[in-house]
Amino acid sequence: VVSSTAAATLRQLVMFIIDKVVDEDRRDDVSEDELVDRVLPDGEHKKLGPSALDAYSVLEDLCLLANAEKPHFLQLGSLPKTFALELIESVLTNYHDLFRAHPELLTLLVHHLCPLLLKLMSDKPHFPLTLRSTRVVFILLKQFSVEFKTETEVFLALLIRVIGSDSDSTSGDGLV
């Protein structure tokens, strides 16, 4: 019960943080002195409002936690990879337009999430991780194929390879 409550609370907090960015963008009243300079993974500097900075930091940490790395912003020792991917999936599903309005979030996806997904899908299959990784990849392909041309090609090739290897292994068993 405690674990389920904690998971639901964390999910609501993440969504609340993302909602605050939507409100911040709608208001567009962030003063210059409230903006914080942030260095993105590609080396670019970007000035972010308080809510945008929080969202960026939380999403970056979710990607790091899903990759079993130490988070920078969240005070969590660890988070199950499957749950981190579920949170990322929820954010991408519900707020994909926000990512287009905030290029720093797209940069985060390219530099942290895409390599993680490639690694997870290339490793020895573990059903819960493969399922969640595939769902996140599907959202990336559906919502961001224009922004991520190279990544889209790589994900499609990887999916074709995975599907092709499954059909090769079943045909040898006489199950086809």
Protein backbone atom coordinates (compact mmCIF):
# COMPACT_ATOMS: atom_id res chain seq x y z
CA VAL A 1 0.00 0.00 0.00
CA VAL A 2 2.81 2.39 0.91
CA SER A 3 4.66 1.67 -2.32
CA SER A 4 1.56 2.21 -4.44
CA THR A 5 0.75 5.46 -2.64
CA ALA A 6 4.32 6.71 -3.05
CA ALA A 7 4.29 5.84 -6.77
CA ALA A 8 0.96 7.64 -7.29
CA THR A 9 2.23 10.67 -5.38
CA LEU A 10 5.43 10.86 -7.42
CA ARG A 11 3.43 10.53 -10.65
CA GLN A 12 1.13 13.39 -9.58
CA LEU A 13 4.10 15.56 -8.59
CA VAL A 14 5.79 15.08 -11.94
CA MET A 15 2.58 15.98 -13.77
CA PHE A 16 2.09 19.00 -11.51
CA ILE A 17 5.59 20.25 -12.33
CA ILE A 18 4.92 19.90 -16.06
CA ASP A 19 1.54 21.66 -15.66
CA LYS A 20 3.37 24.58 -14.03
CA VAL A 21 5.45 24.99 -17.21
CA VAL A 22 2.27 25.14 -19.27
CA ASP A 23 0.95 27.84 -16.91
CA GLU A 24 4.26 29.71 -17.02
CA ASP A 25 4.20 29.68 -20.84
CA ARG A 26 0.59 30.83 -20.91
CA ARG A 27 1.24 33.74 -18.54
CA ASP A 28 4.48 34.76 -20.23
CA ASP A 29 5.23 37.13 -17.35
CA VAL A 30 8.59 35.75 -16.24
CA SER A 31 10.93 38.65 -15.60
CA GLU A 32 14.53 38.64 -16.78
CA ASP A 33 15.87 38.36 -13.22
CA GLU A 34 13.86 35.14 -12.66
CA LEU A 35 15.49 33.40 -15.62
CA VAL A 36 18.25 30.93 -14.83
CA ASP A 37 21.04 30.09 -17.26
CA ARG A 38 21.33 26.34 -17.79
CA VAL A 39 23.97 24.49 -19.79
CA LEU A 40 22.29 21.82 -21.92
CA PRO A 41 23.84 18.43 -22.70
CA ASP A 42 24.90 19.69 -26.14
CA GLY A 43 26.85 22.58 -24.56
CA GLU A 44 24.32 25.26 -25.48
CA HIS A 45 23.27 27.82 -22.86
CA LYS A 46 19.56 28.44 -22.37
CA LYS A 47 17.75 30.80 -20.01
CA LEU A 48 14.84 29.02 -18.34
CA GLY A 49 12.00 30.25 -16.19
CA PRO A 50 11.59 28.74 -12.71
CA SER A 51 8.96 26.18 -13.75
CA ALA A 52 10.75 25.29 -16.99
CA LEU A 53 13.96 24.74 -15.02
CA ASP A 54 12.15 22.46 -12.56
CA ALA A 55 10.61 20.44 -15.39
CA TYR A 56 13.93 20.17 -17.20
CA SER A 57 15.68 19.05 -14.00
CA VAL A 58 13.02 16.47 -13.14
CA LEU A 59 12.94 15.00 -16.64
CA GLU A 60 16.73 14.86 -16.76
CA ASP A 61 16.76 13.04 -13.44
CA LEU A 62 14.09 10.58 -14.59
CA CYS A 63 16.29 9.73 -17.57
CA LEU A 64 19.33 9.38 -15.31
CA LEU A 65 17.43 7.20 -12.83
CA ALA A 66 16.13 5.01 -15.66
CA ASN A 67 19.76 4.56 -16.67
CA ALA A 68 20.72 3.67 -13.05
CA GLU A 69 22.69 6.92 -12.70
CA LYS A 70 22.68 9.40 -9.82
CA PRO A 71 20.14 12.21 -10.21
CA HIS A 72 21.22 15.85 -9.93
CA PHE A 73 17.99 17.46 -8.71
CA LEU A 74 15.76 14.81 -7.16
CA GLN A 75 16.76 13.49 -3.78
CA LEU A 76 16.24 9.85 -4.74
CA GLY A 77 18.79 7.09 -4.31
CA SER A 78 17.20 4.97 -7.00
CA LEU A 79 13.99 4.38 -8.90
CA PRO A 80 12.93 1.21 -10.70
CA LYS A 81 13.74 1.58 -14.40
CA THR A 82 10.26 0.45 -15.33
CA PHE A 83 8.64 3.15 -13.19
CA ALA A 84 10.97 5.86 -14.50
CA LEU A 85 10.06 4.86 -18.06
CA GLU A 86 6.35 4.90 -17.16
CA LEU A 87 6.70 8.46 -15.84
CA ILE A 88 8.57 9.54 -18.97
CA GLU A 89 5.91 7.88 -21.12
CA SER A 90 3.14 9.73 -19.27
CA VAL A 91 4.86 13.07 -19.74
CA LEU A 92 5.52 12.45 -23.44
CA THR A 93 1.97 11.26 -24.03
CA ASN A 94 0.26 14.15 -22.29
CA TYR A 95 2.65 17.02 -23.02
CA HIS A 96 4.27 16.33 -26.40
CA ASP A 97 3.40 19.85 -27.63
CA LEU A 98 5.28 21.33 -24.68
CA PHE A 99 8.46 19.65 -25.91
CA ARG A 100 8.17 21.45 -29.24
CA ALA A 101 7.80 24.78 -27.42
CA HIS A 102 10.86 24.04 -25.28
CA PRO A 103 13.87 22.98 -27.38
CA GLU A 104 15.83 22.26 -24.20
CA LEU A 105 13.45 19.37 -23.52
CA LEU A 106 14.01 18.00 -27.03
CA THR A 107 17.76 18.24 -26.43
CA LEU A 108 17.28 16.30 -23.23
CA LEU A 109 15.44 13.56 -25.09
CA VAL A 110 18.15 13.29 -27.75
CA HIS A 111 21.07 13.23 -25.31
CA HIS A 112 19.63 11.19 -22.44
CA LEU A 113 16.48 9.31 -23.41
CA CYS A 114 17.30 8.08 -26.92
CA PRO A 115 20.66 6.48 -25.95
CA LEU A 116 18.98 4.88 -22.94
CA LEU A 117 16.21 3.41 -25.10
CA LEU A 118 18.71 2.13 -27.66
CA LYS A 119 20.68 0.46 -24.89
CA LEU A 120 17.60 -1.09 -23.28
CA MET A 121 16.26 -2.39 -26.57
CA SER A 122 19.65 -3.75 -27.67
CA ASP A 123 20.33 -5.60 -24.42
CA LYS A 124 19.14 -9.10 -23.64
CA PRO A 125 15.33 -8.91 -23.63
CA HIS A 126 13.72 -8.42 -20.24
CA PHE A 127 9.99 -8.23 -20.86
CA PRO A 128 8.98 -5.39 -18.47
CA LEU A 129 11.81 -3.13 -19.70
CA THR A 130 11.33 -4.06 -23.34
CA LEU A 131 7.61 -3.35 -23.10
CA ARG A 132 8.07 0.08 -21.54
CA SER A 133 10.97 0.98 -23.81
CA THR A 134 8.95 0.03 -26.86
CA ARG A 135 6.03 2.15 -25.68
CA VAL A 136 8.28 5.18 -25.22
CA VAL A 137 9.89 4.57 -28.62
CA PHE A 138 6.43 4.39 -30.18
CA ILE A 139 5.57 7.81 -28.72
CA LEU A 140 8.86 9.25 -29.97
CA LEU A 141 8.18 7.86 -33.45
CA LYS A 142 4.59 9.07 -33.44
CA GLN A 143 5.12 12.55 -31.99
CA PHE A 144 8.73 13.51 -32.75
CA SER A 145 9.74 11.81 -36.00
CA VAL A 146 10.16 15.21 -37.69
CA GLU A 147 12.41 16.54 -34.92
CA PHE A 148 14.40 13.29 -34.55
CA LYS A 149 15.07 12.13 -38.10
CA THR A 150 18.26 10.18 -37.35
CA GLU A 151 16.93 8.69 -34.13
CA THR A 152 13.73 7.67 -35.94
CA GLU A 153 15.75 5.76 -38.54
CA VAL A 154 17.78 4.02 -35.86
CA PHE A 155 14.70 3.07 -33.81
CA LEU A 156 12.87 1.75 -36.87
CA ALA A 157 15.91 -0.31 -37.92
CA LEU A 158 16.21 -1.67 -34.38
CA LEU A 159 12.52 -2.57 -34.23
CA ILE A 160 12.73 -4.31 -37.61
CA ARG A 161 15.78 -6.24 -36.42
CA VAL A 162 14.03 -7.29 -33.19
CA ILE A 163 10.89 -8.35 -35.03
CA GLY A 164 12.94 -10.10 -37.70
CA SER A 165 14.99 -12.02 -35.13
CA ASP A 166 11.78 -13.12 -33.38
CA SER A 167 10.37 -14.53 -36.60
CA ASP A 168 13.69 -16.26 -37.38
CA SER A 169 13.79 -17.93 -33.99
CA THR A 170 10.17 -19.13 -34.13
CA SER A 171 10.47 -20.53 -37.64
CA GLY A 172 13.28 -22.83 -36.46
CA ASP A 173 11.00 -24.28 -33.80
CA GLY A 174 8.33 -25.29 -36.25
CA LEU A 175 5.79 -23.01 -34.54
CA VAL A 176 5.02 -20.88 -37.58
